[in-house]
PDB file of N, CA and C in Angstrom:
ATOM      1  N   UNK A   1     -13.617 -28.373 -10.236  1.00  0.00           N
ATOM      2  CA  UNK A   1     -13.450 -27.683  -8.732  1.00  0.00           C
ATOM      3  C   UNK A   1     -12.302 -26.491  -9.314  1.00  0.00           C
ATOM      4  N   UNK A   2     -12.373 -25.012  -8.864  1.00  0.00           N
ATOM      5  CA  UNK A   2     -11.691 -24.414  -8.971  1.00  0.00           C
ATOM      6  C   UNK A   2     -10.498 -24.091  -8.142  1.00  0.00           C
ATOM      7  N   UNK A   3      -9.000 -23.630  -8.840  1.00  0.00           N
ATOM      8  CA  UNK A   3      -7.963 -23.561  -8.445  1.00  0.00           C
ATOM      9  C   UNK A   3      -7.811 -22.492  -7.401  1.00  0.00           C
ATOM     10  N   UNK A   4      -6.794 -21.982  -6.607  1.00  0.00           N
ATOM     11  CA  UNK A   4      -7.322 -21.231  -5.563  1.00  0.00           C
ATOM     12  C   UNK A   4      -5.495 -20.154  -6.242  1.00  0.00           C
ATOM     13  N   UNK A   5      -5.613 -19.429  -6.378  1.00  0.00           N
ATOM     14  CA  UNK A   5      -4.456 -18.555  -6.448  1.00  0.00           C
ATOM     15  C   UNK A   5      -3.996 -18.162  -5.052  1.00  0.00           C
ATOM     16  N   UNK A   6      -2.302 -17.801  -6.028  1.00  0.00           N
ATOM     17  CA  UNK A   6      -1.349 -18.319  -4.413  1.00  0.00           C
ATOM     18  C   UNK A   6      -1.596 -16.274  -4.262  1.00  0.00           C
ATOM     19  N   UNK A   7      -1.414 -16.808  -2.762  1.00  0.00           N
ATOM     20  CA  UNK A   7      -2.014 -16.102  -1.693  1.00  0.00           C
ATOM     21  C   UNK A   7      -0.764 -14.751  -1.718  1.00  0.00           C
ATOM     22  N   UNK A   8      -1.527 -13.568  -1.694  1.00  0.00           N
ATOM     23  CA  UNK A   8      -0.651 -11.976  -2.001  1.00  0.00           C
ATOM     24  C   UNK A   8      -0.068 -11.877   0.054  1.00  0.00           C
ATOM     25  N   UNK A   9       1.102 -11.672  -0.028  1.00  0.00           N
ATOM     26  CA  UNK A   9       1.095 -11.145   1.249  1.00  0.00           C
ATOM     27  C   UNK A   9       1.476  -9.350   0.556  1.00  0.00           C
ATOM     28  N   UNK A  10       0.694  -8.602   2.238  1.00  0.00           N
ATOM     29  CA  UNK A  10       0.474  -7.672   2.900  1.00  0.00           C
ATOM     30  C   UNK A  10       1.313  -6.562   2.001  1.00  0.00           C
ATOM     31  N   UNK A  11       2.709  -6.705   1.702  1.00  0.00           N
ATOM     32  CA  UNK A  11       3.303  -6.166   0.928  1.00  0.00           C
ATOM     33  C   UNK A  11       3.109  -5.759  -1.006  1.00  0.00           C
ATOM     34  N   UNK A  12       2.579  -6.536  -1.147  1.00  0.00           N
ATOM     35  CA  UNK A  12       2.275  -6.752  -2.148  1.00  0.00           C
ATOM     36  C   UNK A  12       0.186  -6.685  -2.796  1.00  0.00           C
ATOM     37  N   UNK A  13       0.059  -6.739  -2.100  1.00  0.00           N
ATOM     38  CA  UNK A  13      -1.253  -5.538  -2.127  1.00  0.00           C
ATOM     39  C   UNK A  13      -1.414  -4.544  -1.879  1.00  0.00           C
ATOM     40  N   UNK A  14      -0.340  -3.760  -1.304  1.00  0.00           N
ATOM     41  CA  UNK A  14      -0.238  -2.357  -0.357  1.00  0.00           C
ATOM     42  C   UNK A  14       0.584  -1.664  -2.227  1.00  0.00           C
ATOM     43  N   UNK A  15       1.414  -2.694  -2.868  1.00  0.00           N
ATOM     44  CA  UNK A  15       2.034  -1.638  -3.651  1.00  0.00           C
ATOM     45  C   UNK A  15       0.943  -1.713  -4.884  1.00  0.00           C
ATOM     46  N   UNK A  16      -0.325  -3.187  -5.075  1.00  0.00           N
ATOM     47  CA  UNK A  16      -0.554  -3.240  -6.260  1.00  0.00           C
ATOM     48  C   UNK A  16      -1.674  -2.253  -6.002  1.00  0.00           C
ATOM     49  N   UNK A  17      -2.497  -1.598  -5.303  1.00  0.00           N
ATOM     50  CA  UNK A  17      -3.161  -0.619  -4.808  1.00  0.00           C
ATOM     51  C   UNK A  17      -2.668   0.614  -5.110  1.00  0.00           C
ATOM     52  N   UNK A  18      -1.608   0.571  -5.037  1.00  0.00           N
ATOM     53  CA  UNK A  18      -1.399   1.961  -4.736  1.00  0.00           C
ATOM     54  C   UNK A  18      -0.459   2.133  -6.682  1.00  0.00           C
ATOM     55  N   UNK A  19       0.180   1.133  -7.058  1.00  0.00           N
ATOM     56  CA  UNK A  19       0.228   1.052  -8.512  1.00  0.00           C
ATOM     57  C   UNK A  19      -1.605   1.516  -9.479  1.00  0.00           C
ATOM     58  N   UNK A  20      -2.573   1.005  -8.910  1.00  0.00           N
ATOM     59  CA  UNK A  20      -4.043   1.056  -8.825  1.00  0.00           C
ATOM     60  C   UNK A  20      -3.523   2.435  -9.060  1.00  0.00           C
ATOM     61  N   UNK A  21      -4.117   3.358  -7.898  1.00  0.00           N
ATOM     62  CA  UNK A  21      -4.325   4.572  -7.804  1.00  0.00           C
ATOM     63  C   UNK A  21      -2.949   5.739  -8.395  1.00  0.00           C
ATOM     64  N   UNK A  22      -1.635   6.132  -8.274  1.00  0.00           N
ATOM     65  CA  UNK A  22      -1.042   6.642  -9.479  1.00  0.00           C
ATOM     66  C   UNK A  22      -1.772   6.216 -10.329  1.00  0.00           C
ATOM     67  N   UNK A  23      -2.345   5.980 -11.344  1.00  0.00           N
ATOM     68  CA  UNK A  23      -2.102   4.827 -12.879  1.00  0.00           C
ATOM     69  C   UNK A  23      -3.870   5.899 -12.616  1.00  0.00           C
ATOM     70  N   UNK A  24      -4.826   5.961 -12.020  1.00  0.00           N
ATOM     71  CA  UNK A  24      -5.669   6.683 -11.741  1.00  0.00           C
ATOM     72  C   UNK A  24      -5.789   8.222 -11.864  1.00  0.00           C
ATOM     73  N   UNK A  25      -5.185   8.406 -10.871  1.00  0.00           N
ATOM     74  CA  UNK A  25      -4.569   9.522 -10.862  1.00  0.00           C
ATOM     75  C   UNK A  25      -3.741  10.731 -11.666  1.00  0.00           C
ATOM     76  N   UNK A  26      -2.733   9.727 -12.768  1.00  0.00           N
ATOM     77  CA  UNK A  26      -2.227  10.292 -14.472  1.00  0.00           C
ATOM     78  C   UNK A  26      -3.533  10.946 -15.083  1.00  0.00           C
ATOM     79  N   UNK A  27      -5.073  10.922 -14.736  1.00  0.00           N
ATOM     80  CA  UNK A  27      -5.769  10.652 -16.037  1.00  0.00           C
ATOM     81  C   UNK A  27      -6.806  11.544 -14.843  1.00  0.00           C
ATOM     82  N   UNK A  28      -6.444  11.968 -13.709  1.00  0.00           N
ATOM     83  CA  UNK A  28      -7.308  13.252 -12.701  1.00  0.00           C
ATOM     84  C   UNK A  28      -6.628  14.532 -13.508  1.00  0.00           C
ATOM     85  N   UNK A  29      -7.228  15.190 -13.855  1.00  0.00           N
ATOM     86  CA  UNK A  29      -6.710  17.400 -13.450  1.00  0.00           C
ATOM     87  C   UNK A  29      -7.349  17.331 -12.080  1.00  0.00           C
ATOM     88  N   UNK A  30      -6.367  18.579 -12.183  1.00  0.00           N
ATOM     89  CA  UNK A  30      -5.821  19.158 -10.822  1.00  0.00           C
ATOM     90  C   UNK A  30      -7.512  19.355 -10.134  1.00  0.00           C
ATOM     91  N   UNK A  31      -7.411  19.002  -8.606  1.00  0.00           N
ATOM     92  CA  UNK A  31      -9.082  19.491  -7.633  1.00  0.00           C
ATOM     93  C   UNK A  31      -8.657  18.608  -6.412  1.00  0.00           C
ATOM     94  N   UNK A  32      -9.389  18.402  -6.222  1.00  0.00           N
ATOM     95  CA  UNK A  32     -10.970  17.831  -5.594  1.00  0.00           C
ATOM     96  C   UNK A  32     -10.133  16.386  -5.490  1.00  0.00           C
ATOM     97  N   UNK A  33     -10.718  15.739  -6.295  1.00  0.00           N
ATOM     98  CA  UNK A  33     -10.762  13.812  -6.747  1.00  0.00           C
ATOM     99  C   UNK A  33      -8.988  14.256  -6.347  1.00  0.00           C
ATOM    100  N   UNK A  34      -8.457  14.224  -7.331  1.00  0.00           N
ATOM    101  CA  UNK A  34      -6.834  13.879  -7.137  1.00  0.00           C
ATOM    102  C   UNK A  34      -6.270  14.668  -5.777  1.00  0.00           C
ATOM    103  N   UNK A  35      -6.726  15.635  -5.098  1.00  0.00           N
ATOM    104  CA  UNK A  35      -5.793  15.237  -3.681  1.00  0.00           C
ATOM    105  C   UNK A  35      -6.294  14.162  -3.095  1.00  0.00           C
ATOM    106  N   UNK A  36      -7.853  13.496  -3.522  1.00  0.00           N
ATOM    107  CA  UNK A  36      -7.881  12.761  -2.597  1.00  0.00           C
ATOM    108  C   UNK A  36      -7.139  11.266  -2.381  1.00  0.00           C
ATOM    109  N   UNK A  37      -7.119  11.250  -3.579  1.00  0.00           N
ATOM    110  CA  UNK A  37      -6.127   9.984  -3.971  1.00  0.00           C
ATOM    111  C   UNK A  37      -4.884  10.515  -3.692  1.00  0.00           C
ATOM    112  N   UNK A  38      -4.055  11.279  -3.981  1.00  0.00           N
ATOM    113  CA  UNK A  38      -2.884  11.586  -3.717  1.00  0.00           C
ATOM    114  C   UNK A  38      -2.700  11.526  -2.015  1.00  0.00           C
ATOM    115  N   UNK A  39      -2.936  12.069  -1.226  1.00  0.00           N
ATOM    116  CA  UNK A  39      -3.202  11.334   0.115  1.00  0.00           C
ATOM    117  C   UNK A  39      -3.716   9.568   0.178  1.00  0.00           C
ATOM    118  N   UNK A  40      -4.376   9.288  -0.511  1.00  0.00           N
ATOM    119  CA  UNK A  40      -4.798   7.992  -0.229  1.00  0.00           C
ATOM    120  C   UNK A  40      -3.289   7.093  -1.110  1.00  0.00           C
ATOM    121  N   UNK A  41      -2.194   8.243  -1.475  1.00  0.00           N
ATOM    122  CA  UNK A  41      -1.134   7.212  -1.554  1.00  0.00           C
ATOM    123  C   UNK A  41      -0.499   7.246  -0.519  1.00  0.00           C
ATOM    124  N   UNK A  42      -0.128   8.199   0.106  1.00  0.00           N
ATOM    125  CA  UNK A  42       0.761   8.572   1.374  1.00  0.00           C
ATOM    126  C   UNK A  42       0.259   7.285   2.585  1.00  0.00           C
ATOM    127  N   UNK A  43      -1.036   7.726   2.110  1.00  0.00           N
ATOM    128  CA  UNK A  43      -1.307   6.673   3.293  1.00  0.00           C
ATOM    129  C   UNK A  43      -0.884   5.141   3.489  1.00  0.00           C
ATOM    130  N   UNK A  44      -0.439   5.272   2.133  1.00  0.00           N
ATOM    131  CA  UNK A  44      -0.793   3.559   1.040  1.00  0.00           C
ATOM    132  C   UNK A  44       1.725   3.050   1.646  1.00  0.00           C
ATOM    133  N   UNK A  45       1.818   4.735   1.493  1.00  0.00           N
ATOM    134  CA  UNK A  45       3.664   4.476   1.694  1.00  0.00           C
ATOM    135  C   UNK A  45       3.504   4.725   3.362  1.00  0.00           C
ATOM    136  N   UNK A  46       2.563   4.708   3.992  1.00  0.00           N
ATOM    137  CA  UNK A  46       2.724   5.463   5.243  1.00  0.00           C
ATOM    138  C   UNK A  46       2.745   4.096   5.657  1.00  0.00           C
ATOM    139  N   UNK A  47       1.768   3.284   5.992  1.00  0.00           N
ATOM    140  CA  UNK A  47       1.727   1.404   6.113  1.00  0.00           C
ATOM    141  C   UNK A  47       2.950   0.860   5.696  1.00  0.00           C
ATOM    142  N   UNK A  48       2.923   1.163   4.353  1.00  0.00           N
ATOM    143  CA  UNK A  48       4.220   0.272   3.484  1.00  0.00           C
ATOM    144  C   UNK A  48       5.555   0.477   5.391  1.00  0.00           C
ATOM    145  N   UNK A  49       5.916   1.749   5.517  1.00  0.00           N
ATOM    146  CA  UNK A  49       7.100   1.970   6.220  1.00  0.00           C
ATOM    147  C   UNK A  49       6.769   1.667   7.339  1.00  0.00           C
ATOM    148  N   UNK A  50       5.656   1.708   8.221  1.00  0.00           N
ATOM    149  CA  UNK A  50       5.429   0.845   9.862  1.00  0.00           C
ATOM    150  C   UNK A  50       5.588  -0.485   8.885  1.00  0.00           C
ATOM    151  N   UNK A  51       4.879  -0.900   8.199  1.00  0.00           N
ATOM    152  CA  UNK A  51       4.969  -2.660   7.929  1.00  0.00           C
ATOM    153  C   UNK A  51       6.314  -2.705   8.227  1.00  0.00           C
ATOM    154  N   UNK A  52       7.153  -2.754   7.268  1.00  0.00           N
ATOM    155  CA  UNK A  52       8.869  -2.712   7.292  1.00  0.00           C
ATOM    156  C   UNK A  52       9.492  -2.534   8.954  1.00  0.00           C
ATOM    157  N   UNK A  53       9.459  -1.576   8.888  1.00  0.00           N
ATOM    158  CA  UNK A  53      10.029  -1.523  10.263  1.00  0.00           C
ATOM    159  C   UNK A  53       9.585  -2.885  11.337  1.00  0.00           C
ATOM    160  N   UNK A  54       8.516  -2.526  11.449  1.00  0.00           N
ATOM    161  CA  UNK A  54       7.297  -3.741  12.878  1.00  0.00           C
ATOM    162  C   UNK A  54       8.008  -4.851  12.699  1.00  0.00           C
ATOM    163  N   UNK A  55       7.941  -5.727  10.937  1.00  0.00           N
ATOM    164  CA  UNK A  55       8.864  -6.790  10.584  1.00  0.00           C
ATOM    165  C   UNK A  55      10.707  -6.658  10.342  1.00  0.00           C
ATOM    166  N   UNK A  56      10.882  -5.630  10.963  1.00  0.00           N
ATOM    167  CA  UNK A  56      12.901  -5.129  11.031  1.00  0.00           C
ATOM    168  C   UNK A  56      12.940  -7.215  12.112  1.00  0.00           C
ATOM    169  N   UNK A  57      14.480  -6.879  12.910  1.00  0.00           N
ATOM    170  CA  UNK A  57      14.224  -8.871  13.008  1.00  0.00           C
ATOM    171  C   UNK A  57      14.889  -6.913  14.174  1.00  0.00           C
ATOM    172  N   UNK A  58      14.685  -7.587  15.820  1.00  0.00           N
ATOM    173  CA  UNK A  58      14.730  -6.882  16.687  1.00  0.00           C
ATOM    174  C   UNK A  58      14.223  -5.057  16.699  1.00  0.00           C
ATOM    175  N   UNK A  59      12.983  -4.976  15.398  1.00  0.00           N
ATOM    176  CA  UNK A  59      12.330  -3.690  15.481  1.00  0.00           C
ATOM    177  C   UNK A  59      11.221  -3.143  16.879  1.00  0.00           C
ATOM    178  N   UNK A  60      10.115  -3.074  17.103  1.00  0.00           N
ATOM    179  CA  UNK A  60       9.370  -2.267  17.532  1.00  0.00           C
ATOM    180  C   UNK A  60       9.007  -3.742  17.655  1.00  0.00           C
ATOM    181  N   UNK A  61       8.227  -4.679  17.127  1.00  0.00           N
ATOM    182  CA  UNK A  61       7.455  -5.869  17.884  1.00  0.00           C
ATOM    183  C   UNK A  61       8.266  -7.351  17.998  1.00  0.00           C
ATOM    184  N   UNK A  62       9.937  -6.732  18.100  1.00  0.00           N
ATOM    185  CA  UNK A  62      10.344  -7.651  18.791  1.00  0.00           C
ATOM    186  C   UNK A  62      10.317  -8.253  20.293  1.00  0.00           C
ATOM    187  N   UNK A  63      10.670  -9.148  21.356  1.00  0.00           N
ATOM    188  CA  UNK A  63      10.522  -9.191  22.493  1.00  0.00           C
ATOM    189  C   UNK A  63      10.832  -8.514  23.466  1.00  0.00           C
ATOM    190  N   UNK A  64      10.085  -8.261  24.682  1.00  0.00           N
ATOM    191  CA  UNK A  64       9.718  -7.477  25.426  1.00  0.00           C
ATOM    192  C   UNK A  64      11.083  -7.447  26.549  1.00  0.00           C
TER     193      UNK A  64
END
């Protein structure tokens, strides 16, 4: 029977994807494809910041 790996947190998955894209972007010449990857990296950073904000005690996700 296969052993399941430990589940990764949302933050870990965002970080891993960001690192993959940064690595890919390093090999791209200036141009449209590089701009698309840079935009995706910015979106991942924004998602991480929003997640952190919502998970703060007493933050926007707290009881009303």
